[in-house]
Amino acid sequence: LIGVYKSSNDSIQELIVAYKLNFQDENGILLVLISGEREKEELVNRAKETWRKIARMGNEKGYGKLLIVSSATGSYPVLDAFLINSSLDECGVQRVWKIAFVNLDQASFPDVKFAEMIAVNRGFDLAVFDSEESARRWLMAS
């Protein structure tokens, strides 16, 4: 276990992040487990802060492959998906990373899959999956 971040105090930065993040090294792959509820009012800010924390860990430890497994629930509106995934650069996400994103919330899967197109169109090597097994196969393919 590398680190766990959770909203637990009254600092502004910590209040923005409502998701629990669990970082693990898995044979040179950064495994990120995300849980929590997507709250419509702060979705964009919270998602960007989550990506900043993921990017910080990836950059600090020199990872090239990321496996992100999200059990976050709640809606993921198309406009928010566009705003979030159009700002991955400014969050510190690297285009050279290979990112497999597993979205376990089936209700939001089509919208998260749409976000994949936005990220890919901006030059990121990112794919969205509904199972960890298929994400791992894709991640290990190259």
Protein backbone atom coordinates (compact mmCIF):
# COMPACT_ATOMS: atom_id res chain seq x y z
CA LEU A 1 0.00 0.00 0.00
CA ILE A 2 1.55 3.28 -1.12
CA GLY A 3 -1.05 5.69 0.17
CA VAL A 4 -4.68 6.24 0.99
CA TYR A 5 -6.38 9.61 0.60
CA LYS A 6 -9.78 10.29 2.05
CA SER A 7 -11.71 13.44 2.85
CA SER A 8 -11.18 13.58 6.59
CA ASN A 9 -10.43 17.13 7.69
CA ASP A 10 -11.58 20.64 7.01
CA SER A 11 -8.91 21.72 4.52
CA ILE A 12 -10.34 22.93 1.22
CA GLN A 13 -8.30 20.51 -0.86
CA GLU A 14 -9.44 17.50 1.14
CA LEU A 15 -13.08 18.57 1.06
CA ILE A 16 -12.98 18.70 -2.75
CA VAL A 17 -12.04 15.02 -2.96
CA ALA A 18 -14.97 12.88 -1.88
CA TYR A 19 -13.56 9.68 -3.31
CA LYS A 20 -11.44 7.21 -1.42
CA LEU A 21 -8.26 6.45 -3.35
CA ASN A 22 -6.10 3.44 -2.66
CA PHE A 23 -2.74 3.24 -4.47
CA GLN A 24 -0.84 -0.02 -4.86
CA ASP A 25 2.20 -1.09 -6.82
CA GLU A 26 1.47 -4.25 -8.75
CA ASN A 27 4.66 -5.43 -10.44
CA GLY A 28 5.44 -2.01 -11.89
CA ILE A 29 1.84 -1.08 -12.64
CA LEU A 30 0.13 1.61 -10.59
CA LEU A 31 -3.15 0.14 -9.37
CA VAL A 32 -5.64 2.77 -8.22
CA LEU A 33 -8.86 1.75 -6.50
CA ILE A 34 -11.52 4.46 -6.40
CA SER A 35 -14.70 4.30 -4.36
CA GLY A 36 -17.35 6.82 -3.38
CA GLU A 37 -20.34 8.67 -4.74
CA ARG A 38 -20.22 11.09 -7.66
CA GLU A 39 -21.94 14.27 -6.50
CA LYS A 40 -23.27 16.33 -9.38
CA GLU A 41 -22.51 19.74 -7.82
CA GLU A 42 -18.78 19.11 -7.43
CA LEU A 43 -18.17 16.32 -9.94
CA VAL A 44 -15.78 18.22 -12.22
CA ASN A 45 -13.68 19.66 -9.37
CA ARG A 46 -13.53 16.36 -7.51
CA ALA A 47 -12.67 14.37 -10.61
CA LYS A 48 -9.90 16.79 -11.56
CA GLU A 49 -8.45 16.63 -8.06
CA THR A 50 -8.61 12.83 -8.21
CA TRP A 51 -6.71 12.85 -11.53
CA ARG A 52 -4.14 15.26 -10.01
CA LYS A 53 -3.50 12.82 -7.16
CA ILE A 54 -3.24 9.88 -9.56
CA ALA A 55 -0.87 11.85 -11.80
CA ARG A 56 1.24 12.94 -8.84
CA MET A 57 1.70 9.31 -7.76
CA GLY A 58 2.38 8.15 -11.33
CA ASN A 59 4.95 10.88 -11.91
CA GLU A 60 6.68 10.54 -8.54
CA LYS A 61 7.14 6.79 -8.90
CA GLY A 62 7.80 6.74 -12.67
CA TYR A 63 4.94 4.47 -13.73
CA GLY A 64 4.19 3.85 -17.40
CA LYS A 65 1.06 1.76 -16.95
CA LEU A 66 -1.95 2.53 -14.76
CA LEU A 67 -4.86 0.28 -13.88
CA ILE A 68 -7.67 2.34 -12.39
CA VAL A 69 -10.61 0.39 -10.95
CA SER A 70 -13.54 2.60 -10.04
CA SER A 71 -16.55 1.50 -8.05
CA ALA A 72 -17.75 5.12 -7.82
CA THR A 73 -21.48 5.43 -8.33
CA GLY A 74 -23.75 8.20 -9.53
CA SER A 75 -24.33 10.00 -12.79
CA TYR A 76 -21.50 11.10 -15.10
CA PRO A 77 -23.08 13.73 -17.37
CA VAL A 78 -21.66 14.16 -20.87
CA LEU A 79 -20.70 17.82 -20.36
CA ASP A 80 -18.84 16.94 -17.15
CA ALA A 81 -17.12 14.06 -18.95
CA PHE A 82 -15.99 16.50 -21.62
CA LEU A 83 -14.70 19.05 -19.11
CA ILE A 84 -12.87 16.45 -17.02
CA ASN A 85 -11.26 14.55 -19.87
CA SER A 86 -10.31 17.73 -21.74
CA SER A 87 -8.22 18.78 -18.75
CA LEU A 88 -6.13 15.65 -18.16
CA ASP A 89 -2.96 17.53 -19.27
CA GLU A 90 -3.41 20.25 -16.70
CA CYS A 91 -3.95 17.56 -14.06
CA GLY A 92 -0.50 16.13 -14.84
CA VAL A 93 -1.60 12.98 -16.69
CA GLN A 94 1.08 11.92 -19.19
CA ARG A 95 0.27 11.01 -22.78
CA VAL A 96 2.99 8.32 -22.70
CA TRP A 97 1.13 6.38 -20.01
CA LYS A 98 -1.06 3.43 -20.91
CA ILE A 99 -4.19 3.78 -18.79
CA ALA A 100 -6.82 1.05 -18.36
CA PHE A 101 -9.89 2.43 -16.59
CA VAL A 102 -12.39 -0.08 -15.20
CA ASN A 103 -15.82 1.38 -14.47
CA LEU A 104 -17.75 -1.09 -12.31
CA ASP A 105 -20.91 1.07 -12.09
CA GLN A 106 -22.94 -0.29 -15.01
CA ALA A 107 -25.44 2.58 -14.88
CA SER A 108 -22.72 5.11 -15.75
CA PHE A 109 -20.70 2.86 -18.06
CA PRO A 110 -21.95 4.35 -21.39
CA ASP A 111 -21.08 7.87 -20.24
CA VAL A 112 -17.66 6.85 -18.95
CA LYS A 113 -17.06 4.99 -22.23
CA PHE A 114 -17.86 8.27 -24.04
CA ALA A 115 -15.17 9.93 -21.91
CA GLU A 116 -12.68 7.43 -23.34
CA MET A 117 -13.25 8.94 -26.80
CA ILE A 118 -12.57 12.43 -25.47
CA ALA A 119 -9.28 11.37 -23.85
CA VAL A 120 -8.15 9.37 -26.88
CA ASN A 121 -8.98 12.30 -29.19
CA ARG A 122 -6.66 14.40 -27.04
CA GLY A 123 -3.80 11.95 -27.51
CA PHE A 124 -4.05 9.80 -24.38
CA ASP A 125 -3.58 6.02 -24.51
CA LEU A 126 -6.63 5.26 -22.39
CA ALA A 127 -9.33 2.60 -22.65
CA VAL A 128 -12.45 2.01 -20.55
CA PHE A 129 -13.56 -1.47 -19.55
CA ASP A 130 -16.38 -3.05 -17.56
CA SER A 131 -14.17 -5.80 -16.12
CA GLU A 132 -10.76 -5.84 -14.51
CA GLU A 133 -9.80 -8.98 -16.41
CA SER A 134 -10.25 -7.39 -19.86
CA ALA A 135 -8.48 -4.23 -18.68
CA ARG A 136 -5.48 -6.26 -17.52
CA ARG A 137 -5.31 -8.12 -20.84
CA TRP A 138 -5.32 -4.82 -22.76
CA LEU A 139 -2.75 -3.27 -20.44
CA MET A 140 -0.37 -6.21 -20.80
CA ALA A 141 -0.78 -6.49 -24.59
CA SER A 142 2.09 -4.07 -25.18
